Amino acid sequence: MSETPPNRSRCPICGQPTEPRWRPFCSKRCADVDLGRWMTGAYAVPVEEDKEEE
């Protein structure tokens, strides 16, 4: 059986089943890949600029 049990989610980086220790990732490697993406600016949280600054 190659399917993931219904109560297990998938790693957002590689798609493997998550491990409780690294949740929501499957491994330390995927957690580090995600952290690296945040640190290099590959991910960004959008913001709205205030009109009052003008």
PDB file of N, CA and C in Angstrom:
ATOM      1  N   MET A   1       0.835  -1.169   0.000  1.00  0.00           N
ATOM      2  CA  MET A   1       0.000   0.000   0.000  1.00  0.00           C
ATOM      3  C   MET A   1       0.889   1.244   0.000  1.00  0.00           C
ATOM      4  N   SER A   2       0.797   2.078  -0.995  1.00  0.00           N
ATOM      5  CA  SER A   2       1.669   3.245  -1.107  1.00  0.00           C
ATOM      6  C   SER A   2       0.979   4.538  -0.705  1.00  0.00           C
ATOM      7  N   GLU A   3      -0.287   4.477  -0.350  1.00  0.00           N
ATOM      8  CA  GLU A   3      -1.004   5.688   0.021  1.00  0.00           C
ATOM      9  C   GLU A   3      -0.726   6.062   1.472  1.00  0.00           C
ATOM     10  N   THR A   4      -0.811   7.368   1.745  1.00  0.00           N
ATOM     11  CA  THR A   4      -0.635   7.863   3.097  1.00  0.00           C
ATOM     12  C   THR A   4      -1.921   7.617   3.878  1.00  0.00           C
ATOM     13  N   PRO A   5      -1.823   7.166   5.138  1.00  0.00           N
ATOM     14  CA  PRO A   5      -3.039   7.015   5.947  1.00  0.00           C
ATOM     15  C   PRO A   5      -3.792   8.350   6.011  1.00  0.00           C
ATOM     16  N   PRO A   6      -5.108   8.335   6.131  1.00  0.00           N
ATOM     17  CA  PRO A   6      -5.892   9.570   6.078  1.00  0.00           C
ATOM     18  C   PRO A   6      -5.555  10.589   7.155  1.00  0.00           C
ATOM     19  N   ASN A   7      -5.007  10.180   8.291  1.00  0.00           N
ATOM     20  CA  ASN A   7      -4.694  11.130   9.354  1.00  0.00           C
ATOM     21  C   ASN A   7      -3.289  11.720   9.241  1.00  0.00           C
ATOM     22  N   ARG A   8      -2.533  11.381   8.229  1.00  0.00           N
ATOM     23  CA  ARG A   8      -1.170  11.904   8.054  1.00  0.00           C
ATOM     24  C   ARG A   8      -1.170  12.933   6.938  1.00  0.00           C
ATOM     25  N   SER A   9      -0.528  14.041   7.161  1.00  0.00           N
ATOM     26  CA  SER A   9      -0.430  15.064   6.128  1.00  0.00           C
ATOM     27  C   SER A   9       0.860  14.884   5.343  1.00  0.00           C
ATOM     28  N   ARG A  10       1.027  15.695   4.332  1.00  0.00           N
ATOM     29  CA  ARG A  10       2.192  15.610   3.457  1.00  0.00           C
ATOM     30  C   ARG A  10       3.126  16.794   3.667  1.00  0.00           C
ATOM     31  N   CYS A  11       4.398  16.555   3.486  1.00  0.00           N
ATOM     32  CA  CYS A  11       5.430  17.589   3.595  1.00  0.00           C
ATOM     33  C   CYS A  11       5.224  18.618   2.479  1.00  0.00           C
ATOM     34  N   PRO A  12       5.217  19.915   2.801  1.00  0.00           N
ATOM     35  CA  PRO A  12       5.021  20.934   1.768  1.00  0.00           C
ATOM     36  C   PRO A  12       6.221  21.087   0.828  1.00  0.00           C
ATOM     37  N   ILE A  13       7.365  20.547   1.187  1.00  0.00           N
ATOM     38  CA  ILE A  13       8.560  20.661   0.356  1.00  0.00           C
ATOM     39  C   ILE A  13       8.655  19.517  -0.647  1.00  0.00           C
ATOM     40  N   CYS A  14       8.542  18.267  -0.175  1.00  0.00           N
ATOM     41  CA  CYS A  14       8.766  17.123  -1.065  1.00  0.00           C
ATOM     42  C   CYS A  14       7.545  16.228  -1.273  1.00  0.00           C
ATOM     43  N   GLY A  15       6.506  16.390  -0.449  1.00  0.00           N
ATOM     44  CA  GLY A  15       5.297  15.598  -0.618  1.00  0.00           C
ATOM     45  C   GLY A  15       5.282  14.267   0.110  1.00  0.00           C
ATOM     46  N   GLN A  16       6.342  13.944   0.833  1.00  0.00           N
ATOM     47  CA  GLN A  16       6.385  12.699   1.616  1.00  0.00           C
ATOM     48  C   GLN A  16       5.496  12.843   2.848  1.00  0.00           C
ATOM     49  N   PRO A  17       5.093  11.737   3.457  1.00  0.00           N
ATOM     50  CA  PRO A  17       4.313  11.828   4.703  1.00  0.00           C
ATOM     51  C   PRO A  17       5.119  12.539   5.795  1.00  0.00           C
ATOM     52  N   THR A  18       4.445  13.345   6.588  1.00  0.00           N
ATOM     53  CA  THR A  18       5.141  14.088   7.641  1.00  0.00           C
ATOM     54  C   THR A  18       5.532  13.170   8.788  1.00  0.00           C
ATOM     55  N   GLU A  19       6.552  13.588   9.516  1.00  0.00           N
ATOM     56  CA  GLU A  19       7.002  12.896  10.716  1.00  0.00           C
ATOM     57  C   GLU A  19       6.670  13.795  11.905  1.00  0.00           C
ATOM     58  N   PRO A  20       6.140  13.230  12.980  1.00  0.00           N
ATOM     59  CA  PRO A  20       5.772  14.056  14.140  1.00  0.00           C
ATOM     60  C   PRO A  20       6.920  14.938  14.651  1.00  0.00           C
ATOM     61  N   ARG A  21       8.131  14.431  14.622  1.00  0.00           N
ATOM     62  CA  ARG A  21       9.275  15.203  15.126  1.00  0.00           C
ATOM     63  C   ARG A  21       9.542  16.460  14.301  1.00  0.00           C
ATOM     64  N   TRP A  22       9.283  16.410  12.990  1.00  0.00           N
ATOM     65  CA  TRP A  22       9.615  17.516  12.086  1.00  0.00           C
ATOM     66  C   TRP A  22       8.386  18.211  11.531  1.00  0.00           C
ATOM     67  N   ARG A  23       7.224  17.889  12.052  1.00  0.00           N
ATOM     68  CA  ARG A  23       5.976  18.408  11.527  1.00  0.00           C
ATOM     69  C   ARG A  23       6.002  19.910  11.342  1.00  0.00           C
ATOM     70  N   PRO A  24       5.585  20.468  10.244  1.00  0.00           N
ATOM     71  CA  PRO A  24       4.818  19.861   9.160  1.00  0.00           C
ATOM     72  C   PRO A  24       5.688  19.255   8.067  1.00  0.00           C
ATOM     73  N   PHE A  25       6.951  19.041   8.343  1.00  0.00           N
ATOM     74  CA  PHE A  25       7.866  18.487   7.347  1.00  0.00           C
ATOM     75  C   PHE A  25       8.115  17.004   7.595  1.00  0.00           C
ATOM     76  N   CYS A  26       8.802  16.362   6.662  1.00  0.00           N
ATOM     77  CA  CYS A  26       9.091  14.937   6.805  1.00  0.00           C
ATOM     78  C   CYS A  26      10.471  14.698   7.408  1.00  0.00           C
ATOM     79  N   SER A  27      11.340  15.707   7.357  1.00  0.00           N
ATOM     80  CA  SER A  27      12.710  15.524   7.833  1.00  0.00           C
ATOM     81  C   SER A  27      13.350  16.867   8.160  1.00  0.00           C
ATOM     82  N   LYS A  28      14.501  16.809   8.796  1.00  0.00           N
ATOM     83  CA  LYS A  28      15.263  18.022   9.096  1.00  0.00           C
ATOM     84  C   LYS A  28      15.691  18.703   7.805  1.00  0.00           C
ATOM     85  N   ARG A  29      16.011  17.919   6.788  1.00  0.00           N
ATOM     86  CA  ARG A  29      16.423  18.484   5.507  1.00  0.00           C
ATOM     87  C   ARG A  29      15.344  19.390   4.934  1.00  0.00           C
ATOM     88  N   CYS A  30      14.094  18.913   4.909  1.00  0.00           N
ATOM     89  CA  CYS A  30      13.007  19.720   4.363  1.00  0.00           C
ATOM     90  C   CYS A  30      12.730  20.944   5.234  1.00  0.00           C
ATOM     91  N   ALA A  31      12.861  20.796   6.552  1.00  0.00           N
ATOM     92  CA  ALA A  31      12.696  21.943   7.444  1.00  0.00           C
ATOM     93  C   ALA A  31      13.774  22.984   7.152  1.00  0.00           C
ATOM     94  N   ASP A  32      15.008  22.541   6.915  1.00  0.00           N
ATOM     95  CA  ASP A  32      16.107  23.460   6.612  1.00  0.00           C
ATOM     96  C   ASP A  32      15.927  24.121   5.246  1.00  0.00           C
ATOM     97  N   VAL A  33      15.401  23.385   4.277  1.00  0.00           N
ATOM     98  CA  VAL A  33      15.122  23.967   2.957  1.00  0.00           C
ATOM     99  C   VAL A  33      14.109  25.095   3.113  1.00  0.00           C
ATOM    100  N   ASP A  34      13.052  24.861   3.891  1.00  0.00           N
ATOM    101  CA  ASP A  34      12.031  25.876   4.118  1.00  0.00           C
ATOM    102  C   ASP A  34      12.620  27.097   4.807  1.00  0.00           C
ATOM    103  N   LEU A  35      13.421  26.892   5.845  1.00  0.00           N
ATOM    104  CA  LEU A  35      14.063  27.999   6.549  1.00  0.00           C
ATOM    105  C   LEU A  35      14.954  28.798   5.607  1.00  0.00           C
ATOM    106  N   GLY A  36      15.711  28.111   4.769  1.00  0.00           N
ATOM    107  CA  GLY A  36      16.569  28.786   3.806  1.00  0.00           C
ATOM    108  C   GLY A  36      15.779  29.650   2.835  1.00  0.00           C
ATOM    109  N   ARG A  37      14.619  29.183   2.430  1.00  0.00           N
ATOM    110  CA  ARG A  37      13.770  29.967   1.524  1.00  0.00           C
ATOM    111  C   ARG A  37      13.289  31.243   2.200  1.00  0.00           C
ATOM    112  N   TRP A  38      12.930  31.157   3.488  1.00  0.00           N
ATOM    113  CA  TRP A  38      12.524  32.360   4.212  1.00  0.00           C
ATOM    114  C   TRP A  38      13.694  33.329   4.354  1.00  0.00           C
ATOM    115  N   MET A  39      14.876  32.796   4.657  1.00  0.00           N
ATOM    116  CA  MET A  39      16.034  33.656   4.902  1.00  0.00           C
ATOM    117  C   MET A  39      16.548  34.343   3.641  1.00  0.00           C
ATOM    118  N   THR A  40      16.343  33.721   2.479  1.00  0.00           N
ATOM    119  CA  THR A  40      16.809  34.337   1.231  1.00  0.00           C
ATOM    120  C   THR A  40      15.761  35.217   0.576  1.00  0.00           C
ATOM    121  N   GLY A  41      14.561  35.254   1.159  1.00  0.00           N
ATOM    122  CA  GLY A  41      13.518  36.110   0.605  1.00  0.00           C
ATOM    123  C   GLY A  41      12.665  35.443  -0.454  1.00  0.00           C
ATOM    124  N   ALA A  42      12.811  34.135  -0.635  1.00  0.00           N
ATOM    125  CA  ALA A  42      11.981  33.438  -1.614  1.00  0.00           C
ATOM    126  C   ALA A  42      10.518  33.465  -1.186  1.00  0.00           C
ATOM    127  N   TYR A  43      10.275  33.481   0.129  1.00  0.00           N
ATOM    128  CA  TYR A  43       8.937  33.647   0.667  1.00  0.00           C
ATOM    129  C   TYR A  43       8.849  35.062   1.217  1.00  0.00           C
ATOM    130  N   ALA A  44       7.700  35.660   1.106  1.00  0.00           N
ATOM    131  CA  ALA A  44       7.502  36.985   1.677  1.00  0.00           C
ATOM    132  C   ALA A  44       6.047  37.136   2.084  1.00  0.00           C
ATOM    133  N   VAL A  45       5.832  37.849   3.158  1.00  0.00           N
ATOM    134  CA  VAL A  45       4.484  38.132   3.606  1.00  0.00           C
ATOM    135  C   VAL A  45       4.101  39.484   3.015  1.00  0.00           C
ATOM    136  N   PRO A  46       3.020  39.537   2.223  1.00  0.00           N
ATOM    137  CA  PRO A  46       2.629  40.820   1.617  1.00  0.00           C
ATOM    138  C   PRO A  46       2.127  41.794   2.665  1.00  0.00           C
ATOM    139  N   VAL A  47       2.443  43.055   2.469  1.00  0.00           N
ATOM    140  CA  VAL A  47       1.985  44.117   3.378  1.00  0.00           C
ATOM    141  C   VAL A  47       1.373  45.242   2.563  1.00  0.00           C
ATOM    142  N   GLU A  48       0.515  45.997   3.196  1.00  0.00           N
ATOM    143  CA  GLU A  48      -0.051  47.187   2.576  1.00  0.00           C
ATOM    144  C   GLU A  48       0.632  48.396   3.178  1.00  0.00           C
ATOM    145  N   GLU A  49       1.076  49.283   2.341  1.00  0.00           N
ATOM    146  CA  GLU A  49       1.711  50.504   2.822  1.00  0.00           C
ATOM    147  C   GLU A  49       0.635  51.471   3.287  1.00  0.00           C
ATOM    148  N   ASP A  50       0.920  52.214   4.353  1.00  0.00           N
ATOM    149  CA  ASP A  50      -0.014  53.210   4.852  1.00  0.00           C
ATOM    150  C   ASP A  50      -0.007  54.428   3.930  1.00  0.00           C
ATOM    151  N   LYS A  51      -1.173  54.956   3.641  1.00  0.00           N
ATOM    152  CA  LYS A  51      -1.289  56.144   2.802  1.00  0.00           C
ATOM    153  C   LYS A  51      -0.832  57.392   3.566  1.00  0.00           C
ATOM    154  N   GLU A  52      -0.829  57.347   4.897  1.00  0.00           N
ATOM    155  CA  GLU A  52      -0.457  58.488   5.727  1.00  0.00           C
ATOM    156  C   GLU A  52       1.008  58.875   5.596  1.00  0.00           C
ATOM    157  N   GLU A  53       1.859  57.964   5.138  1.00  0.00           N
ATOM    158  CA  GLU A  53       3.289  58.248   5.044  1.00  0.00           C
ATOM    159  C   GLU A  53       3.608  59.268   3.953  1.00  0.00           C
ATOM    160  N   GLU A  54       2.734  59.455   3.003  1.00  0.00           N
ATOM    161  CA  GLU A  54       3.002  60.349   1.872  1.00  0.00           C
ATOM    162  C   GLU A  54       2.918  61.770   2.201  1.00  0.00           C
TER     163      GLU A  54
END
